[in-house]
Amino acid sequence: LRTPYRIDIMQPQYYTINSIHDLFDISQMDIMTLVERAKELGLHDPKFPPKEKLAS
């Protein structure tokens, strides 16, 4: 939620779950509260430079 995203670059990190039970645990979380907290914290520094705009 806090990592700037560039659609033209393969993302350097992906997340996996260890078991199907992890999905149940995630489904029980208050996701919107976590989203609001992430917004408050702001984005992490980007790992790649901004894409150069060719035309406007």
C-alpha atoms as a PDB file:
ATOM      1  CA  LEU A   1       0.000   0.000   0.000  1.00  0.00           C
ATOM      2  CA  ARG A   2       2.839   2.401   0.565  1.00  0.00           C
ATOM      3  CA  THR A   3       5.144   1.632  -2.339  1.00  0.00           C
ATOM      4  CA  PRO A   4       5.013   3.847  -5.441  1.00  0.00           C
ATOM      5  CA  TYR A   5       4.060   1.686  -8.421  1.00  0.00           C
ATOM      6  CA  ARG A   6       5.391   1.792 -11.982  1.00  0.00           C
ATOM      7  CA  ILE A   7       3.444  -0.406 -14.377  1.00  0.00           C
ATOM      8  CA  ASP A   8       6.371  -0.510 -16.824  1.00  0.00           C
ATOM      9  CA  ILE A   9       8.865  -1.993 -14.317  1.00  0.00           C
ATOM     10  CA  MET A  10       8.769  -5.496 -12.825  1.00  0.00           C
ATOM     11  CA  GLN A  11       8.135  -5.098  -9.117  1.00  0.00           C
ATOM     12  CA  PRO A  12      11.164  -6.117  -6.999  1.00  0.00           C
ATOM     13  CA  GLN A  13       9.188  -7.761  -4.204  1.00  0.00           C
ATOM     14  CA  TYR A  14       6.168  -9.997  -4.062  1.00  0.00           C
ATOM     15  CA  TYR A  15       4.407 -11.468  -1.071  1.00  0.00           C
ATOM     16  CA  THR A  16       3.469 -15.067  -0.464  1.00  0.00           C
ATOM     17  CA  ILE A  17       1.365 -16.814   2.130  1.00  0.00           C
ATOM     18  CA  ASN A  18       2.514 -19.842   4.066  1.00  0.00           C
ATOM     19  CA  SER A  19      -0.846 -21.585   4.219  1.00  0.00           C
ATOM     20  CA  ILE A  20      -4.449 -21.283   3.088  1.00  0.00           C
ATOM     21  CA  HIS A  21      -5.270 -20.379   6.691  1.00  0.00           C
ATOM     22  CA  ASP A  22      -3.391 -17.110   6.184  1.00  0.00           C
ATOM     23  CA  LEU A  23      -6.123 -16.080   3.734  1.00  0.00           C
ATOM     24  CA  PHE A  24      -8.743 -16.587   6.428  1.00  0.00           C
ATOM     25  CA  ASP A  25      -6.710 -14.523   8.889  1.00  0.00           C
ATOM     26  CA  ILE A  26      -6.365 -11.718   6.338  1.00  0.00           C
ATOM     27  CA  SER A  27     -10.099 -11.797   5.615  1.00  0.00           C
ATOM     28  CA  GLN A  28     -10.766 -11.126   9.310  1.00  0.00           C
ATOM     29  CA  MET A  29      -8.603  -7.980   9.387  1.00  0.00           C
ATOM     30  CA  ASP A  30     -10.065  -4.486   9.380  1.00  0.00           C
ATOM     31  CA  ILE A  31      -8.547  -3.676   5.991  1.00  0.00           C
ATOM     32  CA  MET A  32      -9.953  -0.131   5.739  1.00  0.00           C
ATOM     33  CA  THR A  33      -8.345   0.835   9.053  1.00  0.00           C
ATOM     34  CA  LEU A  34      -5.030  -0.467   7.712  1.00  0.00           C
ATOM     35  CA  VAL A  35      -5.529   1.531   4.489  1.00  0.00           C
ATOM     36  CA  GLU A  36      -6.195   4.716   6.472  1.00  0.00           C
ATOM     37  CA  ARG A  37      -3.080   4.098   8.575  1.00  0.00           C
ATOM     38  CA  ALA A  38      -1.005   3.579   5.425  1.00  0.00           C
ATOM     39  CA  LYS A  39      -2.320   6.893   4.040  1.00  0.00           C
ATOM     40  CA  GLU A  40      -1.264   8.651   7.254  1.00  0.00           C
ATOM     41  CA  LEU A  41       2.233   7.167   7.049  1.00  0.00           C
ATOM     42  CA  GLY A  42       2.688   8.166   3.398  1.00  0.00           C
ATOM     43  CA  LEU A  43       4.589   6.458   0.615  1.00  0.00           C
ATOM     44  CA  HIS A  44       7.985   4.836   0.972  1.00  0.00           C
ATOM     45  CA  ASP A  45      10.766   6.300  -1.160  1.00  0.00           C
ATOM     46  CA  PRO A  46      10.499   5.024  -4.752  1.00  0.00           C
ATOM     47  CA  LYS A  47      13.034   2.399  -5.825  1.00  0.00           C
ATOM     48  CA  PHE A  48      13.022   3.717  -9.409  1.00  0.00           C
ATOM     49  CA  PRO A  49      13.155   7.233 -10.893  1.00  0.00           C
ATOM     50  CA  PRO A  50       9.895   8.731 -12.193  1.00  0.00           C
ATOM     51  CA  LYS A  51       9.038   7.820 -15.765  1.00  0.00           C
ATOM     52  CA  GLU A  52      10.141  10.489 -18.226  1.00  0.00           C
ATOM     53  CA  LYS A  53       7.221  12.193 -19.951  1.00  0.00           C
ATOM     54  CA  LEU A  54       7.764  12.263 -23.716  1.00  0.00           C
ATOM     55  CA  ALA A  55       4.937  14.637 -24.624  1.00  0.00           C
ATOM     56  CA  SER A  56       2.177  16.575 -22.963  1.00  0.00           C
END
